[in-house]
């Protein structure tokens, strides 16, 4: 039976190992979201900080938050950001679950 400190260490080791594998996909999704967010920011006339904030709030919570696009084109692009946010969140959840499974597997 492993101690909690050993279990935590194994979890973080597994997490790091798996993160290195999926990082190209995760970083690609993040860049994709930011690029789409930049388009929305340009269309809506938002600052860079507002654009980045909107992109991550929309991608991670599937909601506009306190910034909402007014143009129909921007709203359609926001849908794509939301869908890619679901993929990104699912990827990180799967990564954590897989790492926990591997860390708690009996040797």
PDB file of N, CA and C in Angstrom:
ATOM      1  N   UNK A   1       0.841  -1.185   0.000  1.00  0.00           N
ATOM      2  CA  UNK A   1       0.000   0.000   0.000  1.00  0.00           C
ATOM      3  C   UNK A   1       0.885   1.247   0.000  1.00  0.00           C
ATOM      4  N   UNK A   2       0.692   2.063  -0.967  1.00  0.00           N
ATOM      5  CA  UNK A   2       1.503   3.274  -1.100  1.00  0.00           C
ATOM      6  C   UNK A   2       0.978   4.376  -0.186  1.00  0.00           C
ATOM      7  N   UNK A   3       1.863   5.201   0.276  1.00  0.00           N
ATOM      8  CA  UNK A   3       1.443   6.346   1.070  1.00  0.00           C
ATOM      9  C   UNK A   3       0.865   7.402   0.145  1.00  0.00           C
ATOM     10  N   UNK A   4       0.159   8.353   0.741  1.00  0.00           N
ATOM     11  CA  UNK A   4      -0.435   9.412  -0.073  1.00  0.00           C
ATOM     12  C   UNK A   4       0.629  10.245  -0.778  1.00  0.00           C
ATOM     13  N   UNK A   5       1.757  10.466  -0.135  1.00  0.00           N
ATOM     14  CA  UNK A   5       2.830  11.242  -0.769  1.00  0.00           C
ATOM     15  C   UNK A   5       3.374  10.506  -1.989  1.00  0.00           C
ATOM     16  N   UNK A   6       3.552   9.186  -1.861  1.00  0.00           N
ATOM     17  CA  UNK A   6       4.032   8.402  -3.005  1.00  0.00           C
ATOM     18  C   UNK A   6       2.988   8.364  -4.119  1.00  0.00           C
ATOM     19  N   UNK A   7       1.727   8.228  -3.731  1.00  0.00           N
ATOM     20  CA  UNK A   7       0.653   8.202  -4.716  1.00  0.00           C
ATOM     21  C   UNK A   7       0.578   9.524  -5.466  1.00  0.00           C
ATOM     22  N   UNK A   8       0.677  10.625  -4.741  1.00  0.00           N
ATOM     23  CA  UNK A   8       0.652  11.943  -5.358  1.00  0.00           C
ATOM     24  C   UNK A   8       1.835  12.116  -6.310  1.00  0.00           C
ATOM     25  N   UNK A   9       3.000  11.659  -5.882  1.00  0.00           N
ATOM     26  CA  UNK A   9       4.189  11.761  -6.731  1.00  0.00           C
ATOM     27  C   UNK A   9       4.015  10.944  -8.007  1.00  0.00           C
ATOM     28  N   UNK A  10       3.512   9.717  -7.875  1.00  0.00           N
ATOM     29  CA  UNK A  10       3.280   8.885  -9.067  1.00  0.00           C
ATOM     30  C   UNK A  10       2.246   9.523  -9.989  1.00  0.00           C
ATOM     31  N   UNK A  11       1.205  10.124  -9.390  1.00  0.00           N
ATOM     32  CA  UNK A  11       0.192  10.797 -10.208  1.00  0.00           C
ATOM     33  C   UNK A  11       0.825  11.922 -11.025  1.00  0.00           C
ATOM     34  N   UNK A  12       1.610  12.770 -10.376  1.00  0.00           N
ATOM     35  CA  UNK A  12       2.236  13.886 -11.092  1.00  0.00           C
ATOM     36  C   UNK A  12       3.231  13.392 -12.141  1.00  0.00           C
ATOM     37  N   UNK A  13       3.922  12.311 -11.880  1.00  0.00           N
ATOM     38  CA  UNK A  13       4.833  11.747 -12.872  1.00  0.00           C
ATOM     39  C   UNK A  13       4.059  11.245 -14.086  1.00  0.00           C
ATOM     40  N   UNK A  14       2.956  10.545 -13.835  1.00  0.00           N
ATOM     41  CA  UNK A  14       2.123  10.050 -14.940  1.00  0.00           C
ATOM     42  C   UNK A  14       1.498  11.213 -15.708  1.00  0.00           C
ATOM     43  N   UNK A  15       1.041  12.209 -14.968  1.00  0.00           N
ATOM     44  CA  UNK A  15       0.433  13.372 -15.607  1.00  0.00           C
ATOM     45  C   UNK A  15       1.431  14.072 -16.528  1.00  0.00           C
ATOM     46  N   UNK A  16       2.640  14.257 -16.050  1.00  0.00           N
ATOM     47  CA  UNK A  16       3.668  14.902 -16.866  1.00  0.00           C
ATOM     48  C   UNK A  16       3.982  14.069 -18.108  1.00  0.00           C
ATOM     49  N   UNK A  17       4.068  12.746 -17.920  1.00  0.00           N
ATOM     50  CA  UNK A  17       4.366  11.854 -19.054  1.00  0.00           C
ATOM     51  C   UNK A  17       3.272  11.953 -20.118  1.00  0.00           C
ATOM     52  N   UNK A  18       2.021  11.919 -19.690  1.00  0.00           N
ATOM     53  CA  UNK A  18       0.908  11.985 -20.646  1.00  0.00           C
ATOM     54  C   UNK A  18       0.763  13.385 -21.243  1.00  0.00           C
ATOM     55  N   UNK A  19       1.045  14.409 -20.449  1.00  0.00           N
ATOM     56  CA  UNK A  19       0.951  15.771 -20.956  1.00  0.00           C
ATOM     57  C   UNK A  19       1.945  16.013 -22.083  1.00  0.00           C
ATOM     58  N   UNK A  20       3.126  15.430 -21.972  1.00  0.00           N
ATOM     59  CA  UNK A  20       4.115  15.584 -23.047  1.00  0.00           C
ATOM     60  C   UNK A  20       3.624  14.939 -24.339  1.00  0.00           C
ATOM     61  N   UNK A  21       2.812  13.891 -24.227  1.00  0.00           N
ATOM     62  CA  UNK A  21       2.294  13.222 -25.424  1.00  0.00           C
ATOM     63  C   UNK A  21       1.203  14.055 -26.094  1.00  0.00           C
ATOM     64  N   UNK A  22       0.274  14.607 -25.296  1.00  0.00           N
ATOM     65  CA  UNK A  22      -0.874  15.313 -25.878  1.00  0.00           C
ATOM     66  C   UNK A  22      -0.644  16.813 -26.033  1.00  0.00           C
ATOM     67  N   UNK A  23       0.533  17.314 -25.601  1.00  0.00           N
ATOM     68  CA  UNK A  23       0.761  18.741 -25.676  1.00  0.00           C
ATOM     69  C   UNK A  23       0.618  19.315 -27.093  1.00  0.00           C
ATOM     70  N   UNK A  24       1.071  18.651 -28.144  1.00  0.00           N
ATOM     71  CA  UNK A  24       0.866  19.233 -29.481  1.00  0.00           C
ATOM     72  C   UNK A  24      -0.612  19.432 -29.816  1.00  0.00           C
ATOM     73  N   UNK A  25      -1.455  18.513 -29.388  1.00  0.00           N
ATOM     74  CA  UNK A  25      -2.884  18.645 -29.649  1.00  0.00           C
ATOM     75  C   UNK A  25      -3.463  19.776 -28.807  1.00  0.00           C
ATOM     76  N   UNK A  26      -3.125  19.798 -27.518  1.00  0.00           N
ATOM     77  CA  UNK A  26      -3.652  20.823 -26.617  1.00  0.00           C
ATOM     78  C   UNK A  26      -3.198  22.210 -27.042  1.00  0.00           C
ATOM     79  N   UNK A  27      -1.933  22.353 -27.361  1.00  0.00           N
ATOM     80  CA  UNK A  27      -1.442  23.671 -27.768  1.00  0.00           C
ATOM     81  C   UNK A  27      -2.056  24.087 -29.108  1.00  0.00           C
ATOM     82  N   UNK A  28      -2.287  23.134 -29.989  1.00  0.00           N
ATOM     83  CA  UNK A  28      -2.956  23.445 -31.253  1.00  0.00           C
ATOM     84  C   UNK A  28      -4.373  23.957 -31.028  1.00  0.00           C
ATOM     85  N   UNK A  29      -5.094  23.331 -30.098  1.00  0.00           N
ATOM     86  CA  UNK A  29      -6.447  23.796 -29.789  1.00  0.00           C
ATOM     87  C   UNK A  29      -6.427  25.190 -29.168  1.00  0.00           C
ATOM     88  N   UNK A  30      -5.460  25.440 -28.302  1.00  0.00           N
ATOM     89  CA  UNK A  30      -5.361  26.754 -27.670  1.00  0.00           C
ATOM     90  C   UNK A  30      -5.050  27.834 -28.712  1.00  0.00           C
ATOM     91  N   UNK A  31      -4.110  27.547 -29.602  1.00  0.00           N
ATOM     92  CA  UNK A  31      -3.766  28.511 -30.662  1.00  0.00           C
ATOM     93  C   UNK A  31      -4.959  28.728 -31.588  1.00  0.00           C
ATOM     94  N   UNK A  32      -5.672  27.655 -31.906  1.00  0.00           N
ATOM     95  CA  UNK A  32      -6.865  27.737 -32.754  1.00  0.00           C
ATOM     96  C   UNK A  32      -7.908  28.639 -32.108  1.00  0.00           C
ATOM     97  N   UNK A  33      -8.140  28.452 -30.801  1.00  0.00           N
ATOM     98  CA  UNK A  33      -9.111  29.282 -30.097  1.00  0.00           C
ATOM     99  C   UNK A  33      -8.679  30.743 -30.082  1.00  0.00           C
ATOM    100  N   UNK A  34      -7.408  30.976 -29.797  1.00  0.00           N
ATOM    101  CA  UNK A  34      -6.922  32.357 -29.762  1.00  0.00           C
ATOM    102  C   UNK A  34      -7.005  33.035 -31.130  1.00  0.00           C
ATOM    103  N   UNK A  35      -6.750  32.289 -32.189  1.00  0.00           N
ATOM    104  CA  UNK A  35      -6.850  32.855 -33.536  1.00  0.00           C
ATOM    105  C   UNK A  35      -8.295  33.237 -33.851  1.00  0.00           C
ATOM    106  N   UNK A  36      -9.221  32.357 -33.514  1.00  0.00           N
ATOM    107  CA  UNK A  36     -10.633  32.684 -33.733  1.00  0.00           C
ATOM    108  C   UNK A  36     -11.060  33.849 -32.847  1.00  0.00           C
ATOM    109  N   UNK A  37     -10.557  33.860 -31.619  1.00  0.00           N
ATOM    110  CA  UNK A  37     -10.861  34.972 -30.727  1.00  0.00           C
ATOM    111  C   UNK A  37     -10.330  36.289 -31.259  1.00  0.00           C
ATOM    112  N   UNK A  38      -9.159  36.254 -31.890  1.00  0.00           N
ATOM    113  CA  UNK A  38      -8.591  37.469 -32.481  1.00  0.00           C
ATOM    114  C   UNK A  38      -9.481  37.995 -33.600  1.00  0.00           C
ATOM    115  N   UNK A  39     -10.057  37.081 -34.360  1.00  0.00           N
ATOM    116  CA  UNK A  39     -10.976  37.502 -35.421  1.00  0.00           C
ATOM    117  C   UNK A  39     -12.195  38.186 -34.808  1.00  0.00           C
ATOM    118  N   UNK A  40     -12.750  37.584 -33.760  1.00  0.00           N
ATOM    119  CA  UNK A  40     -13.905  38.189 -33.093  1.00  0.00           C
ATOM    120  C   UNK A  40     -13.532  39.540 -32.492  1.00  0.00           C
ATOM    121  N   UNK A  41     -12.375  39.601 -31.843  1.00  0.00           N
ATOM    122  CA  UNK A  41     -11.935  40.865 -31.262  1.00  0.00           C
ATOM    123  C   UNK A  41     -11.795  41.962 -32.298  1.00  0.00           C
ATOM    124  N   UNK A  42     -11.274  41.599 -33.466  1.00  0.00           N
ATOM    125  CA  UNK A  42     -11.138  42.571 -34.556  1.00  0.00           C
ATOM    126  C   UNK A  42     -12.506  43.036 -35.041  1.00  0.00           C
ATOM    127  N   UNK A  43     -13.414  42.065 -35.247  1.00  0.00           N
ATOM    128  CA  UNK A  43     -14.751  42.408 -35.747  1.00  0.00           C
ATOM    129  C   UNK A  43     -15.541  43.256 -34.745  1.00  0.00           C
ATOM    130  N   UNK A  44     -15.364  42.957 -33.469  1.00  0.00           N
ATOM    131  CA  UNK A  44     -16.131  43.658 -32.430  1.00  0.00           C
ATOM    132  C   UNK A  44     -15.432  44.919 -31.930  1.00  0.00           C
ATOM    133  N   UNK A  45     -14.164  45.119 -32.283  1.00  0.00           N
ATOM    134  CA  UNK A  45     -13.434  46.299 -31.848  1.00  0.00           C
ATOM    135  C   UNK A  45     -12.976  46.227 -30.395  1.00  0.00           C
ATOM    136  N   UNK A  46     -12.686  45.017 -29.911  1.00  0.00           N
ATOM    137  CA  UNK A  46     -12.255  44.828 -28.525  1.00  0.00           C
ATOM    138  C   UNK A  46     -10.738  44.968 -28.418  1.00  0.00           C
ATOM    139  N   UNK A  47     -10.275  45.238 -27.195  1.00  0.00           N
ATOM    140  CA  UNK A  47      -8.842  45.270 -26.937  1.00  0.00           C
ATOM    141  C   UNK A  47      -8.299  43.843 -26.891  1.00  0.00           C
ATOM    142  N   UNK A  48      -6.985  43.718 -26.880  1.00  0.00           N
ATOM    143  CA  UNK A  48      -6.367  42.384 -26.840  1.00  0.00           C
ATOM    144  C   UNK A  48      -6.741  41.657 -25.551  1.00  0.00           C
ATOM    145  N   UNK A  49      -6.710  42.354 -24.433  1.00  0.00           N
ATOM    146  CA  UNK A  49      -7.045  41.694 -23.162  1.00  0.00           C
ATOM    147  C   UNK A  49      -8.505  41.261 -23.136  1.00  0.00           C
ATOM    148  N   UNK A  50      -9.400  42.072 -23.665  1.00  0.00           N
ATOM    149  CA  UNK A  50     -10.808  41.674 -23.740  1.00  0.00           C
ATOM    150  C   UNK A  50     -10.981  40.461 -24.651  1.00  0.00           C
ATOM    151  N   UNK A  51     -10.241  40.446 -25.743  1.00  0.00           N
ATOM    152  CA  UNK A  51     -10.337  39.347 -26.693  1.00  0.00           C
ATOM    153  C   UNK A  51      -9.861  38.036 -26.073  1.00  0.00           C
ATOM    154  N   UNK A  52      -8.715  38.062 -25.406  1.00  0.00           N
ATOM    155  CA  UNK A  52      -8.187  36.848 -24.767  1.00  0.00           C
ATOM    156  C   UNK A  52      -9.126  36.390 -23.666  1.00  0.00           C
ATOM    157  N   UNK A  53      -9.618  37.333 -22.867  1.00  0.00           N
ATOM    158  CA  UNK A  53     -10.567  37.002 -21.796  1.00  0.00           C
ATOM    159  C   UNK A  53     -11.816  36.350 -22.379  1.00  0.00           C
ATOM    160  N   UNK A  54     -12.403  36.960 -23.403  1.00  0.00           N
ATOM    161  CA  UNK A  54     -13.596  36.414 -24.032  1.00  0.00           C
ATOM    162  C   UNK A  54     -13.347  35.011 -24.569  1.00  0.00           C
ATOM    163  N   UNK A  55     -12.205  34.831 -25.217  1.00  0.00           N
ATOM    164  CA  UNK A  55     -11.895  33.536 -25.823  1.00  0.00           C
ATOM    165  C   UNK A  55     -11.857  32.430 -24.776  1.00  0.00           C
ATOM    166  N   UNK A  56     -11.155  32.660 -23.664  1.00  0.00           N
ATOM    167  CA  UNK A  56     -11.042  31.600 -22.671  1.00  0.00           C
ATOM    168  C   UNK A  56     -12.325  31.405 -21.873  1.00  0.00           C
ATOM    169  N   UNK A  57     -13.061  32.478 -21.609  1.00  0.00           N
ATOM    170  CA  UNK A  57     -14.345  32.313 -20.922  1.00  0.00           C
ATOM    171  C   UNK A  57     -15.310  31.531 -21.807  1.00  0.00           C
ATOM    172  N   UNK A  58     -15.351  31.862 -23.071  1.00  0.00           N
ATOM    173  CA  UNK A  58     -16.249  31.165 -23.993  1.00  0.00           C
ATOM    174  C   UNK A  58     -15.810  29.713 -24.186  1.00  0.00           C
ATOM    175  N   UNK A  59     -14.511  29.496 -24.320  1.00  0.00           N
ATOM    176  CA  UNK A  59     -14.021  28.139 -24.563  1.00  0.00           C
ATOM    177  C   UNK A  59     -14.112  27.231 -23.358  1.00  0.00           C
ATOM    178  N   UNK A  60     -13.948  27.775 -22.166  1.00  0.00           N
ATOM    179  CA  UNK A  60     -13.911  26.927 -20.974  1.00  0.00           C
ATOM    180  C   UNK A  60     -15.233  26.836 -20.236  1.00  0.00           C
ATOM    181  N   UNK A  61     -16.152  27.759 -20.479  1.00  0.00           N
ATOM    182  CA  UNK A  61     -17.423  27.712 -19.757  1.00  0.00           C
ATOM    183  C   UNK A  61     -18.619  27.593 -20.675  1.00  0.00           C
ATOM    184  N   UNK A  62     -18.415  27.637 -21.964  1.00  0.00           N
ATOM    185  CA  UNK A  62     -19.485  27.605 -22.954  1.00  0.00           C
ATOM    186  C   UNK A  62     -20.514  28.693 -22.635  1.00  0.00           C
ATOM    187  N   UNK A  63     -20.019  29.872 -22.421  1.00  0.00           N
ATOM    188  CA  UNK A  63     -20.878  31.029 -22.197  1.00  0.00           C
ATOM    189  C   UNK A  63     -20.102  32.279 -22.528  1.00  0.00           C
ATOM    190  N   UNK A  64     -20.798  33.350 -22.757  1.00  0.00           N
ATOM    191  CA  UNK A  64     -20.132  34.583 -23.126  1.00  0.00           C
ATOM    192  C   UNK A  64     -19.491  35.289 -21.941  1.00  0.00           C
ATOM    193  N   UNK A  65     -20.005  35.118 -20.754  1.00  0.00           N
ATOM    194  CA  UNK A  65     -19.476  35.874 -19.632  1.00  0.00           C
ATOM    195  C   UNK A  65     -19.983  37.300 -19.711  1.00  0.00           C
ATOM    196  N   UNK A  66     -19.150  38.259 -19.375  1.00  0.00           N
ATOM    197  CA  UNK A  66     -19.605  39.641 -19.392  1.00  0.00           C
ATOM    198  C   UNK A  66     -19.318  40.358 -20.709  1.00  0.00           C
ATOM    199  N   UNK A  67     -18.708  39.686 -21.655  1.00  0.00           N
ATOM    200  CA  UNK A  67     -18.534  40.217 -23.013  1.00  0.00           C
ATOM    201  C   UNK A  67     -19.345  39.337 -23.963  1.00  0.00           C
ATOM    202  N   UNK A  68     -20.139  39.965 -24.803  1.00  0.00           N
ATOM    203  CA  UNK A  68     -20.945  39.200 -25.757  1.00  0.00           C
ATOM    204  C   UNK A  68     -20.803  39.837 -27.137  1.00  0.00           C
ATOM    205  N   UNK A  69     -20.523  39.028 -28.139  1.00  0.00           N
ATOM    206  CA  UNK A  69     -20.422  39.580 -29.494  1.00  0.00           C
ATOM    207  C   UNK A  69     -21.796  40.016 -30.004  1.00  0.00           C
ATOM    208  N   UNK A  70     -21.798  41.077 -30.759  1.00  0.00           N
ATOM    209  CA  UNK A  70     -23.053  41.608 -31.288  1.00  0.00           C
ATOM    210  C   UNK A  70     -23.314  41.172 -32.731  1.00  0.00           C
ATOM    211  N   UNK A  71     -22.258  40.925 -33.472  1.00  0.00           N
ATOM    212  CA  UNK A  71     -22.405  40.549 -34.877  1.00  0.00           C
ATOM    213  C   UNK A  71     -22.718  39.060 -35.014  1.00  0.00           C
ATOM    214  N   UNK A  72     -23.513  38.732 -35.999  1.00  0.00           N
ATOM    215  CA  UNK A  72     -23.875  37.330 -36.241  1.00  0.00           C
ATOM    216  C   UNK A  72     -22.633  36.512 -36.594  1.00  0.00           C
ATOM    217  N   UNK A  73     -21.741  37.081 -37.384  1.00  0.00           N
ATOM    218  CA  UNK A  73     -20.504  36.385 -37.747  1.00  0.00           C
ATOM    219  C   UNK A  73     -19.682  36.056 -36.508  1.00  0.00           C
ATOM    220  N   UNK A  74     -19.579  37.002 -35.611  1.00  0.00           N
ATOM    221  CA  UNK A  74     -18.822  36.779 -34.369  1.00  0.00           C
ATOM    222  C   UNK A  74     -19.472  35.696 -33.524  1.00  0.00           C
ATOM    223  N   UNK A  75     -20.774  35.675 -33.489  1.00  0.00           N
ATOM    224  CA  UNK A  75     -21.487  34.647 -32.716  1.00  0.00           C
ATOM    225  C   UNK A  75     -21.259  33.258 -33.299  1.00  0.00           C
ATOM    226  N   UNK A  76     -21.203  33.159 -34.604  1.00  0.00           N
ATOM    227  CA  UNK A  76     -20.943  31.861 -35.240  1.00  0.00           C
ATOM    228  C   UNK A  76     -19.520  31.384 -34.939  1.00  0.00           C
ATOM    229  N   UNK A  77     -18.587  32.307 -34.972  1.00  0.00           N
ATOM    230  CA  UNK A  77     -17.205  31.952 -34.640  1.00  0.00           C
ATOM    231  C   UNK A  77     -17.112  31.552 -33.171  1.00  0.00           C
ATOM    232  N   UNK A  78     -17.886  32.224 -32.309  1.00  0.00           N
ATOM    233  CA  UNK A  78     -17.898  31.880 -30.882  1.00  0.00           C
ATOM    234  C   UNK A  78     -18.393  30.456 -30.656  1.00  0.00           C
ATOM    235  N   UNK A  79     -19.298  29.996 -31.496  1.00  0.00           N
ATOM    236  CA  UNK A  79     -19.750  28.598 -31.406  1.00  0.00           C
ATOM    237  C   UNK A  79     -18.587  27.633 -31.638  1.00  0.00           C
ATOM    238  N   UNK A  80     -17.750  27.950 -32.602  1.00  0.00           N
ATOM    239  CA  UNK A  80     -16.593  27.096 -32.892  1.00  0.00           C
ATOM    240  C   UNK A  80     -15.602  27.132 -31.728  1.00  0.00           C
ATOM    241  N   UNK A  81     -15.424  28.322 -31.131  1.00  0.00           N
ATOM    242  CA  UNK A  81     -14.557  28.417 -29.956  1.00  0.00           C
ATOM    243  C   UNK A  81     -15.115  27.548 -28.832  1.00  0.00           C
ATOM    244  N   UNK A  82     -16.426  27.591 -28.623  1.00  0.00           N
ATOM    245  CA  UNK A  82     -17.049  26.768 -27.593  1.00  0.00           C
ATOM    246  C   UNK A  82     -16.868  25.280 -27.838  1.00  0.00           C
ATOM    247  N   UNK A  83     -17.036  24.857 -29.072  1.00  0.00           N
ATOM    248  CA  UNK A  83     -16.855  23.432 -29.395  1.00  0.00           C
ATOM    249  C   UNK A  83     -15.408  22.993 -29.207  1.00  0.00           C
ATOM    250  N   UNK A  84     -14.471  23.832 -29.612  1.00  0.00           N
ATOM    251  CA  UNK A  84     -13.077  23.465 -29.404  1.00  0.00           C
ATOM    252  C   UNK A  84     -12.720  23.510 -27.920  1.00  0.00           C
ATOM    253  N   UNK A  85     -13.403  24.347 -27.159  1.00  0.00           N
ATOM    254  CA  UNK A  85     -13.212  24.371 -25.709  1.00  0.00           C
ATOM    255  C   UNK A  85     -13.676  23.087 -25.055  1.00  0.00           C
ATOM    256  N   UNK A  86     -14.758  22.517 -25.565  1.00  0.00           N
ATOM    257  CA  UNK A  86     -15.220  21.217 -25.066  1.00  0.00           C
ATOM    258  C   UNK A  86     -14.160  20.154 -25.323  1.00  0.00           C
ATOM    259  N   UNK A  87     -13.577  20.178 -26.509  1.00  0.00           N
ATOM    260  CA  UNK A  87     -12.509  19.223 -26.832  1.00  0.00           C
ATOM    261  C   UNK A  87     -11.303  19.404 -25.912  1.00  0.00           C
ATOM    262  N   UNK A  88     -10.910  20.649 -25.682  1.00  0.00           N
ATOM    263  CA  UNK A  88      -9.758  20.931 -24.834  1.00  0.00           C
ATOM    264  C   UNK A  88     -10.020  20.492 -23.385  1.00  0.00           C
ATOM    265  N   UNK A  89     -11.185  20.822 -22.868  1.00  0.00           N
ATOM    266  CA  UNK A  89     -11.535  20.411 -21.504  1.00  0.00           C
ATOM    267  C   UNK A  89     -11.586  18.896 -21.394  1.00  0.00           C
ATOM    268  N   UNK A  90     -12.196  18.249 -22.366  1.00  0.00           N
ATOM    269  CA  UNK A  90     -12.262  16.785 -22.363  1.00  0.00           C
ATOM    270  C   UNK A  90     -10.888  16.149 -22.426  1.00  0.00           C
ATOM    271  N   UNK A  91     -10.001  16.749 -23.185  1.00  0.00           N
ATOM    272  CA  UNK A  91      -8.639  16.234 -23.291  1.00  0.00           C
ATOM    273  C   UNK A  91      -7.931  16.281 -21.941  1.00  0.00           C
ATOM    274  N   UNK A  92      -8.049  17.403 -21.239  1.00  0.00           N
ATOM    275  CA  UNK A  92      -7.389  17.521 -19.942  1.00  0.00           C
ATOM    276  C   UNK A  92      -8.037  16.654 -18.872  1.00  0.00           C
ATOM    277  N   UNK A  93      -9.353  16.485 -18.937  1.00  0.00           N
ATOM    278  CA  UNK A  93     -10.024  15.579 -17.994  1.00  0.00           C
ATOM    279  C   UNK A  93      -9.580  14.144 -18.245  1.00  0.00           C
ATOM    280  N   UNK A  94      -9.534  13.741 -19.504  1.00  0.00           N
ATOM    281  CA  UNK A  94      -9.072  12.387 -19.836  1.00  0.00           C
ATOM    282  C   UNK A  94      -7.634  12.175 -19.403  1.00  0.00           C
ATOM    283  N   UNK A  95      -6.829  13.193 -19.551  1.00  0.00           N
ATOM    284  CA  UNK A  95      -5.432  13.132 -19.133  1.00  0.00           C
ATOM    285  C   UNK A  95      -5.328  12.901 -17.628  1.00  0.00           C
ATOM    286  N   UNK A  96      -6.122  13.627 -16.856  1.00  0.00           N
ATOM    287  CA  UNK A  96      -6.111  13.458 -15.408  1.00  0.00           C
ATOM    288  C   UNK A  96      -6.627  12.099 -14.979  1.00  0.00           C
ATOM    289  N   UNK A  97      -7.690  11.629 -15.603  1.00  0.00           N
ATOM    290  CA  UNK A  97      -8.252  10.323 -15.261  1.00  0.00           C
ATOM    291  C   UNK A  97      -7.267   9.217 -15.595  1.00  0.00           C
ATOM    292  N   UNK A  98      -6.681   9.278 -16.763  1.00  0.00           N
ATOM    293  CA  UNK A  98      -5.706   8.255 -17.167  1.00  0.00           C
ATOM    294  C   UNK A  98      -4.491   8.251 -16.245  1.00  0.00           C
ATOM    295  N   UNK A  99      -4.036   9.422 -15.863  1.00  0.00           N
ATOM    296  CA  UNK A  99      -2.888   9.512 -14.954  1.00  0.00           C
ATOM    297  C   UNK A  99      -3.237   8.946 -13.587  1.00  0.00           C
ATOM    298  N   UNK A 100      -4.430   9.217 -13.101  1.00  0.00           N
ATOM    299  CA  UNK A 100      -4.856   8.676 -11.809  1.00  0.00           C
ATOM    300  C   UNK A 100      -4.997   7.161 -11.867  1.00  0.00           C
ATOM    301  N   UNK A 101      -5.542   6.648 -12.971  1.00  0.00           N
ATOM    302  CA  UNK A 101      -5.656   5.202 -13.129  1.00  0.00           C
ATOM    303  C   UNK A 101      -4.274   4.551 -13.115  1.00  0.00           C
ATOM    304  N   UNK A 102      -3.367   5.126 -13.839  1.00  0.00           N
ATOM    305  CA  UNK A 102      -2.017   4.559 -13.915  1.00  0.00           C
ATOM    306  C   UNK A 102      -1.291   4.675 -12.583  1.00  0.00           C
ATOM    307  N   UNK A 103      -1.486   5.764 -11.860  1.00  0.00           N
ATOM    308  CA  UNK A 103      -0.805   5.975 -10.592  1.00  0.00           C
ATOM    309  C   UNK A 103      -1.323   5.040  -9.504  1.00  0.00           C
ATOM    310  N   UNK A 104      -2.601   4.664  -9.586  1.00  0.00           N
ATOM    311  CA  UNK A 104      -3.192   3.823  -8.528  1.00  0.00           C
ATOM    312  C   UNK A 104      -3.204   2.334  -8.908  1.00  0.00           C
ATOM    313  N   UNK A 105      -2.701   2.023 -10.068  1.00  0.00           N
ATOM    314  CA  UNK A 105      -2.681   0.618 -10.488  1.00  0.00           C
ATOM    315  C   UNK A 105      -1.730  -0.168  -9.564  1.00  0.00           C
ATOM    316  N   UNK A 106      -2.213  -1.306  -9.095  1.00  0.00           N
ATOM    317  CA  UNK A 106      -1.372  -2.149  -8.225  1.00  0.00           C
ATOM    318  C   UNK A 106      -0.222  -2.731  -9.027  1.00  0.00           C
ATOM    319  N   UNK A 107       0.922  -2.707  -8.418  1.00  0.00           N
ATOM    320  CA  UNK A 107       2.119  -3.216  -9.109  1.00  0.00           C
ATOM    321  C   UNK A 107       2.384  -4.652  -8.760  1.00  0.00           C
TER     322      UNK A 107
END
